[in-house]
Amino acid sequence: MNDLNELETLIVGWAKARGIIPNATPESQVLKAVSEMGELADAINKRQHIEAVDAIGDVTVCLINLCALMGVTLGECLQAAYDQIKDRRGTLLPNGCFVKEEAK
């Protein structure tokens, strides 16, 4: 199995070879990702594990393409997100709501 960086490089190469990177826009890739999220939601709601795994991959491909169009990597975006959340404290309630712990 390839690591995440290798897969990102392979996906960007695939997208360039098919004209996605030179011809797509950030807006078109966001719309495609939203479409794929709809498929993911449908698979989750129907408890279709294999379809959900595929849809997660499809969403990720769209996000990698979006990153390439924006001149960043998925890893850079994940690092930025992690840097924002790493020190957060709180609890996820049973109803799915995350309650942040107040700063002291």
N, C-alpha and C. Protein backbone atom coordinates (compact mmCIF):
# COMPACT_ATOMS: atom_id res chain seq x y z
N MET A 1 0.85 -1.18 0.00
CA MET A 1 0.00 0.00 0.00
C MET A 1 0.89 1.24 0.00
N ASN A 2 0.52 2.23 -0.79
CA ASN A 2 1.26 3.48 -0.86
C ASN A 2 0.95 4.34 0.36
N ASP A 3 1.93 5.18 0.74
CA ASP A 3 1.64 6.11 1.84
C ASP A 3 0.88 7.31 1.27
N LEU A 4 0.41 8.16 2.15
CA LEU A 4 -0.45 9.27 1.75
C LEU A 4 0.24 10.21 0.78
N ASN A 5 1.52 10.52 1.02
CA ASN A 5 2.25 11.42 0.12
C ASN A 5 2.39 10.82 -1.28
N GLU A 6 2.69 9.52 -1.34
CA GLU A 6 2.80 8.85 -2.64
C GLU A 6 1.46 8.85 -3.36
N LEU A 7 0.39 8.56 -2.63
CA LEU A 7 -0.94 8.56 -3.24
C LEU A 7 -1.31 9.95 -3.76
N GLU A 8 -0.98 10.98 -2.99
CA GLU A 8 -1.28 12.34 -3.44
C GLU A 8 -0.55 12.64 -4.73
N THR A 9 0.72 12.27 -4.82
CA THR A 9 1.50 12.49 -6.04
C THR A 9 0.89 11.72 -7.21
N LEU A 10 0.50 10.47 -6.98
CA LEU A 10 -0.11 9.66 -8.03
C LEU A 10 -1.44 10.26 -8.49
N ILE A 11 -2.24 10.73 -7.56
CA ILE A 11 -3.55 11.31 -7.90
C ILE A 11 -3.38 12.60 -8.69
N VAL A 12 -2.45 13.46 -8.29
CA VAL A 12 -2.21 14.70 -9.03
C VAL A 12 -1.72 14.37 -10.44
N GLY A 13 -0.86 13.38 -10.58
CA GLY A 13 -0.41 12.95 -11.91
C GLY A 13 -1.56 12.43 -12.75
N TRP A 14 -2.42 11.65 -12.14
CA TRP A 14 -3.61 11.13 -12.83
C TRP A 14 -4.50 12.27 -13.29
N ALA A 15 -4.72 13.24 -12.40
CA ALA A 15 -5.59 14.38 -12.72
C ALA A 15 -4.99 15.25 -13.82
N LYS A 16 -3.68 15.43 -13.80
CA LYS A 16 -3.01 16.21 -14.87
C LYS A 16 -3.15 15.49 -16.21
N ALA A 17 -2.95 14.17 -16.21
CA ALA A 17 -3.01 13.39 -17.45
C ALA A 17 -4.41 13.41 -18.07
N ARG A 18 -5.42 13.62 -17.26
CA ARG A 18 -6.80 13.64 -17.75
C ARG A 18 -7.35 15.05 -17.93
N GLY A 19 -6.48 16.04 -17.80
CA GLY A 19 -6.88 17.42 -18.02
C GLY A 19 -7.66 18.05 -16.88
N ILE A 20 -7.73 17.36 -15.75
CA ILE A 20 -8.48 17.91 -14.62
C ILE A 20 -7.74 19.10 -14.02
N ILE A 21 -6.46 18.94 -13.73
CA ILE A 21 -5.69 20.01 -13.10
C ILE A 21 -5.59 21.24 -14.02
N PRO A 22 -5.26 21.09 -15.30
CA PRO A 22 -5.16 22.32 -16.09
C PRO A 22 -6.50 22.95 -16.44
N ASN A 23 -7.58 22.19 -16.41
CA ASN A 23 -8.86 22.71 -16.89
C ASN A 23 -9.91 22.95 -15.81
N ALA A 24 -9.72 22.37 -14.65
CA ALA A 24 -10.69 22.55 -13.57
C ALA A 24 -10.42 23.86 -12.85
N THR A 25 -11.38 24.26 -12.05
CA THR A 25 -11.23 25.43 -11.18
C THR A 25 -11.45 24.98 -9.75
N PRO A 26 -10.99 25.78 -8.79
CA PRO A 26 -11.29 25.42 -7.40
C PRO A 26 -12.80 25.26 -7.18
N GLU A 27 -13.59 26.13 -7.81
CA GLU A 27 -15.04 26.05 -7.65
C GLU A 27 -15.60 24.72 -8.18
N SER A 28 -15.10 24.29 -9.34
CA SER A 28 -15.62 23.04 -9.91
C SER A 28 -15.23 21.84 -9.06
N GLN A 29 -14.05 21.88 -8.45
CA GLN A 29 -13.64 20.76 -7.60
C GLN A 29 -14.40 20.75 -6.29
N VAL A 30 -14.73 21.94 -5.76
CA VAL A 30 -15.55 21.99 -4.55
C VAL A 30 -16.93 21.41 -4.84
N LEU A 31 -17.51 21.79 -5.97
CA LEU A 31 -18.83 21.25 -6.33
C LEU A 31 -18.77 19.74 -6.52
N LYS A 32 -17.70 19.25 -7.13
CA LYS A 32 -17.56 17.80 -7.30
C LYS A 32 -17.41 17.11 -5.94
N ALA A 33 -16.65 17.73 -5.03
CA ALA A 33 -16.49 17.15 -3.69
C ALA A 33 -17.83 17.11 -2.96
N VAL A 34 -18.63 18.16 -3.10
CA VAL A 34 -19.95 18.19 -2.46
C VAL A 34 -20.83 17.08 -3.04
N SER A 35 -20.77 16.87 -4.34
CA SER A 35 -21.53 15.80 -4.98
C SER A 35 -21.11 14.44 -4.40
N GLU A 36 -19.81 14.25 -4.28
CA GLU A 36 -19.30 12.99 -3.72
C GLU A 36 -19.69 12.85 -2.24
N MET A 37 -19.76 13.97 -1.51
CA MET A 37 -20.21 13.92 -0.11
C MET A 37 -21.66 13.45 -0.04
N GLY A 38 -22.46 13.85 -1.01
CA GLY A 38 -23.84 13.37 -1.07
C GLY A 38 -23.88 11.85 -1.22
N GLU A 39 -23.01 11.32 -2.08
CA GLU A 39 -22.93 9.87 -2.24
C GLU A 39 -22.46 9.20 -0.95
N LEU A 40 -21.53 9.85 -0.26
CA LEU A 40 -21.06 9.31 1.02
C LEU A 40 -22.19 9.30 2.04
N ALA A 41 -22.92 10.38 2.14
CA ALA A 41 -24.04 10.44 3.09
C ALA A 41 -25.06 9.35 2.78
N ASP A 42 -25.35 9.15 1.50
CA ASP A 42 -26.30 8.12 1.10
C ASP A 42 -25.80 6.74 1.52
N ALA A 43 -24.52 6.47 1.27
CA ALA A 43 -23.96 5.17 1.64
C ALA A 43 -23.97 4.96 3.16
N ILE A 44 -23.66 6.01 3.91
CA ILE A 44 -23.68 5.91 5.38
C ILE A 44 -25.11 5.65 5.86
N ASN A 45 -26.05 6.40 5.32
CA ASN A 45 -27.44 6.22 5.72
C ASN A 45 -27.96 4.83 5.42
N LYS A 46 -27.48 4.24 4.33
CA LYS A 46 -27.90 2.89 3.94
C LYS A 46 -27.02 1.81 4.54
N ARG A 47 -26.04 2.22 5.36
CA ARG A 47 -25.10 1.30 5.99
C ARG A 47 -24.38 0.44 4.96
N GLN A 48 -23.98 1.07 3.87
CA GLN A 48 -23.25 0.39 2.79
C GLN A 48 -21.76 0.68 2.95
N HIS A 49 -21.08 -0.18 3.67
CA HIS A 49 -19.69 0.05 4.04
C HIS A 49 -18.77 0.21 2.82
N ILE A 50 -18.84 -0.71 1.88
CA ILE A 50 -17.96 -0.67 0.71
C ILE A 50 -18.18 0.61 -0.08
N GLU A 51 -19.43 0.99 -0.28
CA GLU A 51 -19.76 2.21 -1.02
C GLU A 51 -19.28 3.45 -0.26
N ALA A 52 -19.37 3.41 1.07
CA ALA A 52 -18.91 4.53 1.89
C ALA A 52 -17.40 4.70 1.78
N VAL A 53 -16.68 3.60 1.83
CA VAL A 53 -15.22 3.66 1.68
C VAL A 53 -14.85 4.25 0.32
N ASP A 54 -15.53 3.82 -0.73
CA ASP A 54 -15.29 4.36 -2.07
C ASP A 54 -15.59 5.86 -2.12
N ALA A 55 -16.69 6.26 -1.51
CA ALA A 55 -17.08 7.67 -1.53
C ALA A 55 -16.09 8.54 -0.74
N ILE A 56 -15.58 8.02 0.37
CA ILE A 56 -14.56 8.75 1.12
C ILE A 56 -13.34 8.96 0.22
N GLY A 57 -12.95 7.94 -0.49
CA GLY A 57 -11.84 8.07 -1.43
C GLY A 57 -12.13 9.09 -2.51
N ASP A 58 -13.34 9.07 -3.06
CA ASP A 58 -13.71 10.02 -4.11
C ASP A 58 -13.68 11.47 -3.60
N VAL A 59 -14.18 11.69 -2.39
CA VAL A 59 -14.13 13.03 -1.79
C VAL A 59 -12.68 13.47 -1.63
N THR A 60 -11.85 12.55 -1.16
CA THR A 60 -10.44 12.87 -0.94
C THR A 60 -9.73 13.19 -2.25
N VAL A 61 -10.04 12.47 -3.32
CA VAL A 61 -9.46 12.77 -4.63
C VAL A 61 -9.83 14.19 -5.04
N CYS A 62 -11.09 14.56 -4.85
CA CYS A 62 -11.52 15.93 -5.19
C CYS A 62 -10.76 16.95 -4.36
N LEU A 63 -10.56 16.67 -3.09
CA LEU A 63 -9.84 17.60 -2.22
C LEU A 63 -8.37 17.70 -2.61
N ILE A 64 -7.77 16.59 -3.01
CA ILE A 64 -6.38 16.62 -3.49
C ILE A 64 -6.29 17.45 -4.76
N ASN A 65 -7.25 17.29 -5.66
CA ASN A 65 -7.27 18.10 -6.88
C ASN A 65 -7.43 19.58 -6.53
N LEU A 66 -8.31 19.88 -5.60
CA LEU A 66 -8.50 21.26 -5.15
C LEU A 66 -7.20 21.82 -4.59
N CYS A 67 -6.53 21.04 -3.77
CA CYS A 67 -5.25 21.48 -3.21
C CYS A 67 -4.25 21.80 -4.32
N ALA A 68 -4.15 20.90 -5.30
CA ALA A 68 -3.21 21.12 -6.41
C ALA A 68 -3.55 22.41 -7.15
N LEU A 69 -4.83 22.66 -7.37
CA LEU A 69 -5.25 23.90 -8.04
C LEU A 69 -4.91 25.14 -7.21
N MET A 70 -4.87 24.99 -5.90
CA MET A 70 -4.58 26.11 -5.00
C MET A 70 -3.10 26.24 -4.65
N GLY A 71 -2.29 25.28 -5.13
CA GLY A 71 -0.86 25.34 -4.88
C GLY A 71 -0.43 24.92 -3.48
N VAL A 72 -1.23 24.06 -2.86
CA VAL A 72 -0.90 23.50 -1.55
C VAL A 72 -1.05 21.99 -1.62
N THR A 73 -0.59 21.32 -0.60
CA THR A 73 -0.77 19.87 -0.54
C THR A 73 -1.82 19.54 0.52
N LEU A 74 -2.37 18.35 0.41
CA LEU A 74 -3.31 17.88 1.42
C LEU A 74 -2.62 17.82 2.78
N GLY A 75 -1.37 17.41 2.79
CA GLY A 75 -0.61 17.35 4.04
C GLY A 75 -0.48 18.72 4.69
N GLU A 76 -0.25 19.76 3.89
CA GLU A 76 -0.17 21.11 4.44
C GLU A 76 -1.51 21.54 5.05
N CYS A 77 -2.59 21.19 4.37
CA CYS A 77 -3.92 21.52 4.89
C CYS A 77 -4.21 20.76 6.18
N LEU A 78 -3.85 19.48 6.21
CA LEU A 78 -4.05 18.69 7.43
C LEU A 78 -3.21 19.24 8.57
N GLN A 79 -1.98 19.66 8.27
CA GLN A 79 -1.11 20.23 9.30
C GLN A 79 -1.72 21.52 9.86
N ALA A 80 -2.23 22.37 8.97
CA ALA A 80 -2.86 23.62 9.41
C ALA A 80 -4.07 23.34 10.30
N ALA A 81 -4.87 22.34 9.92
CA ALA A 81 -6.04 21.98 10.72
C ALA A 81 -5.61 21.42 12.07
N TYR A 82 -4.60 20.55 12.05
CA TYR A 82 -4.13 19.96 13.30
C TYR A 82 -3.58 21.04 14.24
N ASP A 83 -2.83 21.98 13.66
CA ASP A 83 -2.28 23.07 14.48
C ASP A 83 -3.39 23.87 15.16
N GLN A 84 -4.55 23.97 14.51
CA GLN A 84 -5.69 24.69 15.10
C GLN A 84 -6.38 23.89 16.20
N ILE A 85 -6.42 22.57 16.07
CA ILE A 85 -7.19 21.76 17.01
C ILE A 85 -6.38 21.07 18.10
N LYS A 86 -5.06 20.99 17.94
CA LYS A 86 -4.25 20.14 18.82
C LYS A 86 -4.37 20.46 20.30
N ASP A 87 -4.60 21.72 20.63
CA ASP A 87 -4.68 22.09 22.04
C ASP A 87 -6.11 22.29 22.53
N ARG A 88 -7.09 22.01 21.68
CA ARG A 88 -8.48 22.15 22.10
C ARG A 88 -8.82 21.10 23.14
N ARG A 89 -9.62 21.52 24.07
CA ARG A 89 -10.12 20.61 25.10
C ARG A 89 -11.63 20.66 25.05
N GLY A 90 -12.23 19.54 25.34
CA GLY A 90 -13.68 19.48 25.36
C GLY A 90 -14.16 18.06 25.29
N THR A 91 -15.46 17.92 25.09
CA THR A 91 -16.09 16.61 25.09
C THR A 91 -17.16 16.55 24.02
N LEU A 92 -17.25 15.43 23.35
CA LEU A 92 -18.34 15.18 22.42
C LEU A 92 -19.48 14.55 23.21
N LEU A 93 -20.60 15.21 23.21
CA LEU A 93 -21.78 14.71 23.92
C LEU A 93 -22.44 13.59 23.13
N PRO A 94 -23.25 12.76 23.79
CA PRO A 94 -23.94 11.68 23.09
C PRO A 94 -24.82 12.16 21.93
N ASN A 95 -25.26 13.43 21.97
CA ASN A 95 -26.09 13.95 20.88
C ASN A 95 -25.27 14.44 19.69
N GLY A 96 -23.93 14.28 19.77
CA GLY A 96 -23.06 14.66 18.67
C GLY A 96 -22.54 16.08 18.73
N CYS A 97 -22.88 16.82 19.76
CA CYS A 97 -22.45 18.21 19.91
C CYS A 97 -21.13 18.24 20.68
N PHE A 98 -20.12 18.95 20.13
CA PHE A 98 -18.84 19.10 20.80
C PHE A 98 -18.89 20.35 21.66
N VAL A 99 -18.60 20.20 22.94
CA VAL A 99 -18.61 21.32 23.88
C VAL A 99 -17.15 21.63 24.24
N LYS A 100 -16.70 22.82 23.84
CA LYS A 100 -15.33 23.24 24.14
C LYS A 100 -15.19 23.52 25.62
N GLU A 101 -14.05 23.11 26.16
CA GLU A 101 -13.72 23.43 27.54
C GLU A 101 -13.27 24.88 27.59
N GLU A 102 -13.75 25.63 28.56
CA GLU A 102 -13.38 27.03 28.68
C GLU A 102 -11.90 27.16 29.02
N ALA A 103 -11.22 28.14 28.39
CA ALA A 103 -9.83 28.43 28.69
C ALA A 103 -9.70 28.92 30.12
N LYS A 104 -8.62 28.53 30.75
CA LYS A 104 -8.40 28.93 32.16
C LYS A 104 -7.40 30.04 32.24
